[in-house]
C-alpha atoms as a PDB file:
ATOM      1  CA  MET A   1      10.346 -18.207 -17.142  1.00  0.00           C
ATOM      2  CA  GLU A   2       9.765 -20.085 -13.852  1.00  0.00           C
ATOM      3  CA  SER A   3      13.315 -20.751 -13.190  1.00  0.00           C
ATOM      4  CA  ALA A   4      14.066 -17.145 -13.865  1.00  0.00           C
ATOM      5  CA  VAL A   5      11.256 -15.968 -11.457  1.00  0.00           C
ATOM      6  CA  GLU A   6      12.719 -18.373  -8.927  1.00  0.00           C
ATOM      7  CA  GLU A   7      16.212 -16.938  -9.207  1.00  0.00           C
ATOM      8  CA  LEU A   8      15.077 -13.427  -8.788  1.00  0.00           C
ATOM      9  CA  MET A   9      12.408 -14.316  -5.921  1.00  0.00           C
ATOM     10  CA  PRO A  10      13.758 -17.430  -4.065  1.00  0.00           C
ATOM     11  CA  ARG A  11      11.400 -19.418  -2.067  1.00  0.00           C
ATOM     12  CA  LEU A  12      11.640 -18.600   1.615  1.00  0.00           C
ATOM     13  CA  LEU A  13      10.410 -22.137   2.446  1.00  0.00           C
ATOM     14  CA  PRO A  14      11.515 -24.677  -0.205  1.00  0.00           C
ATOM     15  CA  VAL A  15       9.027 -27.372  -0.717  1.00  0.00           C
ATOM     16  CA  ASP A  16       9.849 -30.616  -2.560  1.00  0.00           C
ATOM     17  CA  ASP A  17       7.000 -32.296  -4.598  1.00  0.00           C
ATOM     18  CA  CYS A  18       4.851 -34.345  -2.160  1.00  0.00           C
ATOM     19  CA  ASP A  19       3.886 -38.021  -2.846  1.00  0.00           C
ATOM     20  CA  LEU A  20       0.216 -38.009  -2.279  1.00  0.00           C
ATOM     21  CA  SER A  21      -2.318 -40.667  -2.812  1.00  0.00           C
ATOM     22  CA  GLU A  22      -4.167 -40.875  -6.104  1.00  0.00           C
ATOM     23  CA  ASP A  23      -7.405 -39.800  -4.530  1.00  0.00           C
ATOM     24  CA  PHE A  24      -6.099 -36.432  -3.544  1.00  0.00           C
ATOM     25  CA  ASP A  25      -8.662 -33.800  -4.369  1.00  0.00           C
ATOM     26  CA  PRO A  26      -7.378 -30.144  -4.202  1.00  0.00           C
ATOM     27  CA  THR A  27     -10.860 -28.787  -3.979  1.00  0.00           C
ATOM     28  CA  VAL A  28     -11.507 -29.950  -0.478  1.00  0.00           C
ATOM     29  CA  PRO A  29      -9.901 -28.745   2.532  1.00  0.00           C
ATOM     30  CA  PRO A  30      -6.441 -30.263   3.315  1.00  0.00           C
ATOM     31  CA  ARG A  31      -6.221 -33.005   5.803  1.00  0.00           C
ATOM     32  CA  THR A  32      -2.438 -33.178   6.252  1.00  0.00           C
ATOM     33  CA  PRO A  33       0.400 -30.774   5.872  1.00  0.00           C
ATOM     34  CA  GLN A  34       1.621 -32.347   2.836  1.00  0.00           C
ATOM     35  CA  GLU A  35      -1.877 -31.716   1.086  1.00  0.00           C
ATOM     36  CA  TYR A  36      -1.833 -28.297   2.221  1.00  0.00           C
ATOM     37  CA  LEU A  37       1.389 -27.382   0.758  1.00  0.00           C
ATOM     38  CA  LYS A  38       0.562 -29.248  -2.573  1.00  0.00           C
ATOM     39  CA  ARG A  39      -2.644 -27.219  -2.644  1.00  0.00           C
ATOM     40  CA  VAL A  40      -0.479 -23.862  -2.177  1.00  0.00           C
ATOM     41  CA  GLN A  41       1.504 -25.180  -5.087  1.00  0.00           C
ATOM     42  CA  ILE A  42      -1.319 -25.797  -7.441  1.00  0.00           C
ATOM     43  CA  GLU A  43      -2.809 -22.462  -6.643  1.00  0.00           C
ATOM     44  CA  ALA A  44       0.594 -20.594  -7.162  1.00  0.00           C
ATOM     45  CA  ALA A  45       0.962 -22.325 -10.464  1.00  0.00           C
ATOM     46  CA  LYS A  46      -2.388 -20.903 -11.668  1.00  0.00           C
ATOM     47  CA  CYS A  47      -1.519 -17.334 -10.790  1.00  0.00           C
ATOM     48  CA  PRO A  48      -0.764 -15.319 -14.071  1.00  0.00           C
ATOM     49  CA  ASP A  49       2.720 -13.562 -14.216  1.00  0.00           C
ATOM     50  CA  VAL A  50       1.089 -10.193 -14.837  1.00  0.00           C
ATOM     51  CA  VAL A  51      -2.105  -9.152 -13.084  1.00  0.00           C
ATOM     52  CA  VAL A  52      -4.089  -5.927 -14.317  1.00  0.00           C
ATOM     53  CA  ALA A  53      -6.427  -4.201 -11.756  1.00  0.00           C
ATOM     54  CA  GLN A  54      -9.777  -3.684 -13.099  1.00  0.00           C
ATOM     55  CA  ILE A  55     -10.621  -0.181 -11.949  1.00  0.00           C
ATOM     56  CA  ASP A  56     -14.045   1.378 -12.188  1.00  0.00           C
ATOM     57  CA  PRO A  57     -13.398   5.332 -13.065  1.00  0.00           C
ATOM     58  CA  LYS A  58     -16.802   6.202 -11.731  1.00  0.00           C
ATOM     59  CA  LYS A  59     -15.708   5.235  -8.176  1.00  0.00           C
ATOM     60  CA  LEU A  60     -12.617   7.414  -8.418  1.00  0.00           C
ATOM     61  CA  LYS A  61     -12.780  10.691  -6.521  1.00  0.00           C
ATOM     62  CA  LYS A  62     -13.328  13.635  -8.989  1.00  0.00           C
ATOM     63  CA  LYS A  63     -10.369  15.672  -7.469  1.00  0.00           C
ATOM     64  CA  GLN A  64      -7.459  13.310  -7.284  1.00  0.00           C
ATOM     65  CA  THR A  65      -4.524  15.890  -8.089  1.00  0.00           C
ATOM     66  CA  VAL A  66      -3.435  17.810  -5.058  1.00  0.00           C
ATOM     67  CA  ASN A  67      -2.030  21.345  -6.306  1.00  0.00           C
ATOM     68  CA  ILE A  68      -0.252  23.073  -3.556  1.00  0.00           C
ATOM     69  CA  SER A  69       0.305  26.858  -4.515  1.00  0.00           C
ATOM     70  CA  LEU A  70       3.445  28.519  -3.253  1.00  0.00           C
ATOM     71  CA  SER A  71       1.769  31.888  -3.509  1.00  0.00           C
ATOM     72  CA  GLY A  72       1.411  33.936  -0.479  1.00  0.00           C
ATOM     73  CA  CYS A  73      -1.571  35.887   1.194  1.00  0.00           C
ATOM     74  CA  GLN A  74      -2.458  39.340   0.098  1.00  0.00           C
ATOM     75  CA  PRO A  75      -0.789  41.802   2.512  1.00  0.00           C
ATOM     76  CA  ALA A  76      -3.048  43.359   5.039  1.00  0.00           C
ATOM     77  CA  PRO A  77      -3.993  46.742   4.443  1.00  0.00           C
ATOM     78  CA  GLU A  78      -2.406  49.444   6.598  1.00  0.00           C
ATOM     79  CA  GLY A  79      -3.682  49.222  10.273  1.00  0.00           C
ATOM     80  CA  TYR A  80      -5.470  45.877   9.541  1.00  0.00           C
ATOM     81  CA  SER A  81      -2.560  43.450  10.693  1.00  0.00           C
ATOM     82  CA  PRO A  82      -2.681  42.030  14.098  1.00  0.00           C
ATOM     83  CA  THR A  83       0.064  42.428  16.633  1.00  0.00           C
ATOM     84  CA  LEU A  84       2.573  39.494  17.319  1.00  0.00           C
ATOM     85  CA  LYS A  85       1.320  39.353  20.758  1.00  0.00           C
ATOM     86  CA  TRP A  86      -2.204  38.926  19.736  1.00  0.00           C
ATOM     87  CA  GLN A  87      -1.435  36.358  17.233  1.00  0.00           C
ATOM     88  CA  GLN A  88       0.645  34.366  19.939  1.00  0.00           C
ATOM     89  CA  GLN A  89      -2.448  34.523  22.201  1.00  0.00           C
ATOM     90  CA  GLN A  90      -4.752  33.095  19.736  1.00  0.00           C
ATOM     91  CA  VAL A  91      -2.409  30.387  19.012  1.00  0.00           C
ATOM     92  CA  ALA A  92      -2.172  29.432  22.652  1.00  0.00           C
ATOM     93  CA  GLN A  93      -5.905  29.562  22.991  1.00  0.00           C
ATOM     94  CA  PHE A  94      -6.311  27.448  19.923  1.00  0.00           C
ATOM     95  CA  SER A  95      -3.875  24.852  20.979  1.00  0.00           C
ATOM     96  CA  ALA A  96      -5.649  24.584  24.433  1.00  0.00           C
ATOM     97  CA  ILE A  97      -9.125  24.085  22.675  1.00  0.00           C
ATOM     98  CA  ARG A  98      -7.672  21.364  20.434  1.00  0.00           C
ATOM     99  CA  GLN A  99      -6.252  19.419  23.381  1.00  0.00           C
ATOM    100  CA  SER A 100      -9.739  19.779  25.247  1.00  0.00           C
ATOM    101  CA  VAL A 101     -11.627  18.385  22.111  1.00  0.00           C
ATOM    102  CA  ASN A 102      -9.187  15.534  21.542  1.00  0.00           C
ATOM    103  CA  LYS A 103      -9.304  14.727  25.375  1.00  0.00           C
ATOM    104  CA  HIS A 104     -13.206  14.788  25.600  1.00  0.00           C
ATOM    105  CA  ARG A 105     -13.984  13.495  22.037  1.00  0.00           C
ATOM    106  CA  ASN A 106     -15.325  10.123  23.077  1.00  0.00           C
ATOM    107  CA  HIS A 107     -17.716  11.796  25.828  1.00  0.00           C
ATOM    108  CA  TRP A 108     -19.223  14.209  23.293  1.00  0.00           C
ATOM    109  CA  LYS A 109     -19.470  11.534  20.592  1.00  0.00           C
ATOM    110  CA  SER A 110     -21.484   9.330  23.031  1.00  0.00           C
ATOM    111  CA  GLN A 111     -24.096  12.145  23.736  1.00  0.00           C
ATOM    112  CA  HIS A 112     -27.324  11.939  21.911  1.00  0.00           C
ATOM    113  CA  LEU A 113     -28.033  14.462  19.029  1.00  0.00           C
ATOM    114  CA  ASP A 114     -31.299  16.291  19.006  1.00  0.00           C
ATOM    115  CA  SER A 115     -34.074  14.805  16.854  1.00  0.00           C
ATOM    116  CA  ASN A 116     -33.612  17.453  14.349  1.00  0.00           C
ATOM    117  CA  VAL A 117     -29.962  17.078  13.794  1.00  0.00           C
ATOM    118  CA  ALA A 118     -29.375  14.933  10.523  1.00  0.00           C
ATOM    119  CA  MET A 119     -25.728  15.031   9.586  1.00  0.00           C
ATOM    120  CA  PRO A 120     -25.202  14.760   5.858  1.00  0.00           C
ATOM    121  CA  ARG A 121     -22.799  11.962   4.166  1.00  0.00           C
ATOM    122  CA  SER A 122     -19.162  13.051   3.929  1.00  0.00           C
ATOM    123  CA  ASP A 123     -19.481  13.350   0.020  1.00  0.00           C
ATOM    124  CA  ASP A 124     -22.640  15.431   0.327  1.00  0.00           C
ATOM    125  CA  GLU A 125     -21.358  18.932  -0.608  1.00  0.00           C
ATOM    126  CA  GLU A 126     -24.653  20.717  -0.959  1.00  0.00           C
ATOM    127  CA  GLY A 127     -26.002  18.988   2.142  1.00  0.00           C
ATOM    128  CA  TRP A 128     -23.153  20.145   4.309  1.00  0.00           C
ATOM    129  CA  LYS A 129     -23.357  23.696   2.980  1.00  0.00           C
ATOM    130  CA  ARG A 130     -27.125  23.687   3.984  1.00  0.00           C
ATOM    131  CA  PHE A 131     -26.320  22.029   7.257  1.00  0.00           C
ATOM    132  CA  CYS A 132     -23.562  24.526   8.395  1.00  0.00           C
ATOM    133  CA  LEU A 133     -24.798  27.756   6.894  1.00  0.00           C
ATOM    134  CA  GLY A 134     -28.628  27.187   6.927  1.00  0.00           C
ATOM    135  CA  GLU A 135     -31.301  27.132   4.268  1.00  0.00           C
ATOM    136  CA  LYS A 136     -31.820  30.851   4.425  1.00  0.00           C
ATOM    137  CA  LEU A 137     -28.264  31.699   3.454  1.00  0.00           C
ATOM    138  CA  TYR A 138     -27.770  28.842   1.099  1.00  0.00           C
ATOM    139  CA  LEU A 139     -30.955  29.731  -0.906  1.00  0.00           C
ATOM    140  CA  ASN A 140     -30.164  33.463  -0.484  1.00  0.00           C
ATOM    141  CA  SER A 141     -33.287  33.901   0.871  1.00  0.00           C
ATOM    142  CA  SER A 142     -34.618  37.341   2.494  1.00  0.00           C
ATOM    143  CA  ILE A 143     -37.429  35.379   4.603  1.00  0.00           C
ATOM    144  CA  GLN A 144     -37.262  36.267   8.327  1.00  0.00           C
ATOM    145  CA  VAL A 145     -36.865  33.272  10.404  1.00  0.00           C
ATOM    146  CA  SER A 146     -39.306  33.475  13.367  1.00  0.00           C
ATOM    147  CA  ARG A 147     -38.575  32.100  16.797  1.00  0.00           C
ATOM    148  CA  ASP A 148     -41.322  30.169  18.530  1.00  0.00           C
ATOM    149  CA  GLU A 149     -40.530  30.109  22.242  1.00  0.00           C
ATOM    150  CA  ASN A 150     -42.149  26.582  22.455  1.00  0.00           C
ATOM    151  CA  GLN A 151     -39.916  25.131  19.604  1.00  0.00           C
ATOM    152  CA  GLY A 152     -36.846  26.982  19.883  1.00  0.00           C
ATOM    153  CA  ILE A 153     -34.431  28.144  17.132  1.00  0.00           C
ATOM    154  CA  ASP A 154     -34.904  26.748  13.752  1.00  0.00           C
ATOM    155  CA  TYR A 155     -31.401  25.742  13.160  1.00  0.00           C
ATOM    156  CA  VAL A 156     -32.419  24.206   9.645  1.00  0.00           C
ATOM    157  CA  GLN A 157     -33.133  27.615   8.546  1.00  0.00           C
ATOM    158  CA  ILE A 158     -30.058  29.551  10.087  1.00  0.00           C
ATOM    159  CA  GLY A 159     -27.606  26.510  10.288  1.00  0.00           C
ATOM    160  CA  PHE A 160     -26.458  24.315  12.853  1.00  0.00           C
ATOM    161  CA  PRO A 161     -23.584  25.526  15.122  1.00  0.00           C
ATOM    162  CA  PRO A 162     -20.519  23.307  15.333  1.00  0.00           C
ATOM    163  CA  LEU A 163     -21.417  21.806  18.594  1.00  0.00           C
ATOM    164  CA  LEU A 164     -18.987  19.370  20.125  1.00  0.00           C
ATOM    165  CA  THR A 165     -21.688  16.566  19.880  1.00  0.00           C
ATOM    166  CA  ILE A 166     -21.653  17.263  16.058  1.00  0.00           C
ATOM    167  CA  VAL A 167     -17.816  17.811  15.306  1.00  0.00           C
ATOM    168  CA  SER A 168     -16.781  15.046  17.595  1.00  0.00           C
ATOM    169  CA  ARG A 169     -18.798  12.605  15.282  1.00  0.00           C
ATOM    170  CA  MET A 170     -16.807  13.782  12.321  1.00  0.00           C
ATOM    171  CA  ASN A 171     -13.709  11.629  11.176  1.00  0.00           C
ATOM    172  CA  GLN A 172     -10.760  13.205   9.314  1.00  0.00           C
ATOM    173  CA  ALA A 173     -12.257  12.398   5.880  1.00  0.00           C
ATOM    174  CA  THR A 174     -15.339  14.304   6.860  1.00  0.00           C
ATOM    175  CA  VAL A 175     -13.475  17.152   8.461  1.00  0.00           C
ATOM    176  CA  THR A 176     -11.336  17.726   5.359  1.00  0.00           C
ATOM    177  CA  SER A 177     -14.276  17.319   3.070  1.00  0.00           C
ATOM    178  CA  VAL A 178     -16.368  19.977   4.842  1.00  0.00           C
ATOM    179  CA  LEU A 179     -13.620  22.135   5.196  1.00  0.00           C
ATOM    180  CA  GLU A 180     -13.045  22.081   1.435  1.00  0.00           C
ATOM    181  CA  TYR A 181     -16.866  22.518   0.701  1.00  0.00           C
ATOM    182  CA  LEU A 182     -16.876  25.649   3.009  1.00  0.00           C
ATOM    183  CA  THR A 183     -13.665  27.152   1.545  1.00  0.00           C
ATOM    184  CA  SER A 184     -15.354  26.812  -1.772  1.00  0.00           C
ATOM    185  CA  TRP A 185     -18.196  28.579  -0.591  1.00  0.00           C
ATOM    186  CA  LEU A 186     -16.125  31.512   0.790  1.00  0.00           C
ATOM    187  CA  ALA A 187     -14.475  31.694  -2.762  1.00  0.00           C
ATOM    188  CA  GLU A 188     -17.892  32.622  -4.136  1.00  0.00           C
ATOM    189  CA  LYS A 189     -19.955  34.103  -1.221  1.00  0.00           C
ATOM    190  CA  GLU A 190     -19.514  36.503   1.483  1.00  0.00           C
ATOM    191  CA  PHE A 191     -17.972  35.741   4.867  1.00  0.00           C
ATOM    192  CA  THR A 192     -20.289  35.407   7.807  1.00  0.00           C
ATOM    193  CA  PRO A 193     -20.051  34.886  11.562  1.00  0.00           C
ATOM    194  CA  GLY A 194     -21.499  31.281  11.075  1.00  0.00           C
ATOM    195  CA  LEU A 195     -19.134  30.427   8.418  1.00  0.00           C
ATOM    196  CA  GLY A 196     -16.260  31.729  10.540  1.00  0.00           C
ATOM    197  CA  ARG A 197     -17.369  29.495  13.559  1.00  0.00           C
ATOM    198  CA  TRP A 198     -17.486  26.360  11.351  1.00  0.00           C
ATOM    199  CA  LEU A 199     -13.981  27.019   9.882  1.00  0.00           C
ATOM    200  CA  TYR A 200     -12.435  27.527  13.322  1.00  0.00           C
ATOM    201  CA  ALA A 201     -14.081  24.340  14.626  1.00  0.00           C
ATOM    202  CA  LEU A 202     -12.867  22.303  11.462  1.00  0.00           C
ATOM    203  CA  LEU A 203      -9.408  23.513  11.895  1.00  0.00           C
ATOM    204  CA  ALA A 204      -9.510  22.628  15.549  1.00  0.00           C
ATOM    205  CA  CYS A 205     -10.468  19.087  14.657  1.00  0.00           C
ATOM    206  CA  LEU A 206      -7.948  18.773  11.874  1.00  0.00           C
ATOM    207  CA  GLU A 207      -5.132  16.216  13.012  1.00  0.00           C
ATOM    208  CA  LYS A 208      -1.491  16.994  12.666  1.00  0.00           C
ATOM    209  CA  PRO A 209       0.678  16.287  10.800  1.00  0.00           C
ATOM    210  CA  LEU A 210      -1.419  17.454   7.862  1.00  0.00           C
ATOM    211  CA  LEU A 211      -2.124  15.271   4.939  1.00  0.00           C
ATOM    212  CA  PRO A 212      -1.280  16.727   1.353  1.00  0.00           C
ATOM    213  CA  ASP A 213      -5.019  17.626   0.529  1.00  0.00           C
ATOM    214  CA  ALA A 214      -5.471  19.285   3.987  1.00  0.00           C
ATOM    215  CA  HIS A 215      -2.329  21.105   3.746  1.00  0.00           C
ATOM    216  CA  SER A 216      -3.441  22.467   0.412  1.00  0.00           C
ATOM    217  CA  LEU A 217      -6.873  23.451   1.698  1.00  0.00           C
ATOM    218  CA  ILE A 218      -5.952  25.510   4.694  1.00  0.00           C
ATOM    219  CA  ARG A 219      -3.371  27.519   2.373  1.00  0.00           C
ATOM    220  CA  GLN A 220      -6.404  28.270   0.059  1.00  0.00           C
ATOM    221  CA  LEU A 221      -8.497  29.263   3.168  1.00  0.00           C
ATOM    222  CA  ALA A 222      -5.750  31.596   4.353  1.00  0.00           C
ATOM    223  CA  ARG A 223      -5.492  33.184   0.950  1.00  0.00           C
ATOM    224  CA  ARG A 224      -9.096  33.623   0.344  1.00  0.00           C
ATOM    225  CA  CYS A 225      -9.287  35.150   3.913  1.00  0.00           C
ATOM    226  CA  SER A 226      -6.542  37.583   2.972  1.00  0.00           C
ATOM    227  CA  GLU A 227      -8.677  38.695  -0.365  1.00  0.00           C
ATOM    228  CA  VAL A 228     -11.768  39.079   1.616  1.00  0.00           C
ATOM    229  CA  ARG A 229      -9.992  41.172   4.173  1.00  0.00           C
ATOM    230  CA  VAL A 230      -8.516  43.683   1.535  1.00  0.00           C
ATOM    231  CA  LEU A 231     -12.146  44.456   0.430  1.00  0.00           C
ATOM    232  CA  GLU A 232     -13.346  45.435   3.991  1.00  0.00           C
ATOM    233  CA  GLU A 233     -13.426  49.183   4.330  1.00  0.00           C
ATOM    234  CA  ASN A 234     -13.623  49.345   8.218  1.00  0.00           C
ATOM    235  CA  LYS A 235     -10.682  47.780  10.026  1.00  0.00           C
ATOM    236  CA  ASN A 236     -12.604  47.688  13.267  1.00  0.00           C
ATOM    237  CA  ASP A 237     -15.318  45.527  11.718  1.00  0.00           C
ATOM    238  CA  GLU A 238     -15.617  42.183  13.665  1.00  0.00           C
ATOM    239  CA  LYS A 239     -15.315  40.353  10.378  1.00  0.00           C
ATOM    240  CA  VAL A 240     -11.575  41.545  10.039  1.00  0.00           C
ATOM    241  CA  SER A 241     -10.655  40.230  13.489  1.00  0.00           C
ATOM    242  CA  ALA A 242     -12.316  36.882  12.393  1.00  0.00           C
ATOM    243  CA  LEU A 243     -10.383  36.929   9.199  1.00  0.00           C
ATOM    244  CA  ASN A 244      -7.067  37.682  10.974  1.00  0.00           C
ATOM    245  CA  LEU A 245      -7.724  34.841  13.313  1.00  0.00           C
ATOM    246  CA  LEU A 246      -8.021  32.146  10.545  1.00  0.00           C
ATOM    247  CA  ILE A 247      -5.068  33.566   8.695  1.00  0.00           C
ATOM    248  CA  CYS A 248      -3.087  33.481  12.280  1.00  0.00           C
ATOM    249  CA  LEU A 249      -3.917  29.813  12.819  1.00  0.00           C
ATOM    250  CA  VAL A 250      -2.921  28.632   9.212  1.00  0.00           C
ATOM    251  CA  GLY A 251       0.179  30.540   9.258  1.00  0.00           C
ATOM    252  CA  ARG A 252       1.443  30.258  12.775  1.00  0.00           C
ATOM    253  CA  TYR A 253      -0.343  27.106  14.296  1.00  0.00           C
ATOM    254  CA  PHE A 254      -0.094  24.967  11.169  1.00  0.00           C
ATOM    255  CA  ASP A 255       3.415  26.291  10.525  1.00  0.00           C
ATOM    256  CA  GLN A 256       2.473  27.981   7.014  1.00  0.00           C
ATOM    257  CA  HIS A 257       4.795  30.795   7.821  1.00  0.00           C
ATOM    258  CA  ASP A 258       4.850  32.283   4.447  1.00  0.00           C
ATOM    259  CA  LEU A 259       1.138  33.115   4.889  1.00  0.00           C
ATOM    260  CA  ALA A 260       1.117  34.537   8.454  1.00  0.00           C
ATOM    261  CA  ASP A 261       0.714  38.330   8.796  1.00  0.00           C
ATOM    262  CA  GLU A 262       3.652  40.408   9.434  1.00  0.00           C
ATOM    263  CA  ALA A 263       3.182  41.633  13.048  1.00  0.00           C
ATOM    264  CA  SER A 264       2.079  45.264  13.353  1.00  0.00           C
ATOM    265  CA  SER A 265       3.648  47.582  15.837  1.00  0.00           C
END
């Protein structure tokens, strides 16, 4: 077996057997080059021919498989689709914002956060939903949030906005995770201005080229936005413009052209 392995995997640096003193101890640090080489030979001989990795299934992420659907968006109802000029303007503005965020990321990351800002861990899905959308919306509460002029706005209740001091601290794994959490929320709940701002900010922080999971996520986001748009009765509602914007960015900035709206006249 050893000779067969050596034929398939020849030594890059052939080493002859070393003549060492009888008091050679392989457990102590080598004192000469010969002792070092001999110790390497001994350790290599102890390695098994086949090694099986011991994997703890509890440490694996729950969602390992990436499913990329090729289905497109729901067509925009008549009169709802934005013009090509509008879409091009949004892409240009979005590109400029991304460049600015990347350029000044270190500056904003170094700024101190307010004492009430406690960013959740990357894997804390419910924590991020509460953080971004607020306790009031998360709990579907009708309690009115009062504003104390001395204390300011209670962002814990209404959700923290995607400030640069916050999003600049999010690495790509966190950006992707939070995008997944909020896209999941949109699949079950209504679209709100706060949710739209966070989705826009996360897309602005998403690095290109896209990783497979991010690619799948933004496609899910665009499809869900198109489904919500179909249900809107008033084409002049601000919500329609926000949904159009997200679909536009996914389709035209991130090159998912099959999802982009056909330009209206």
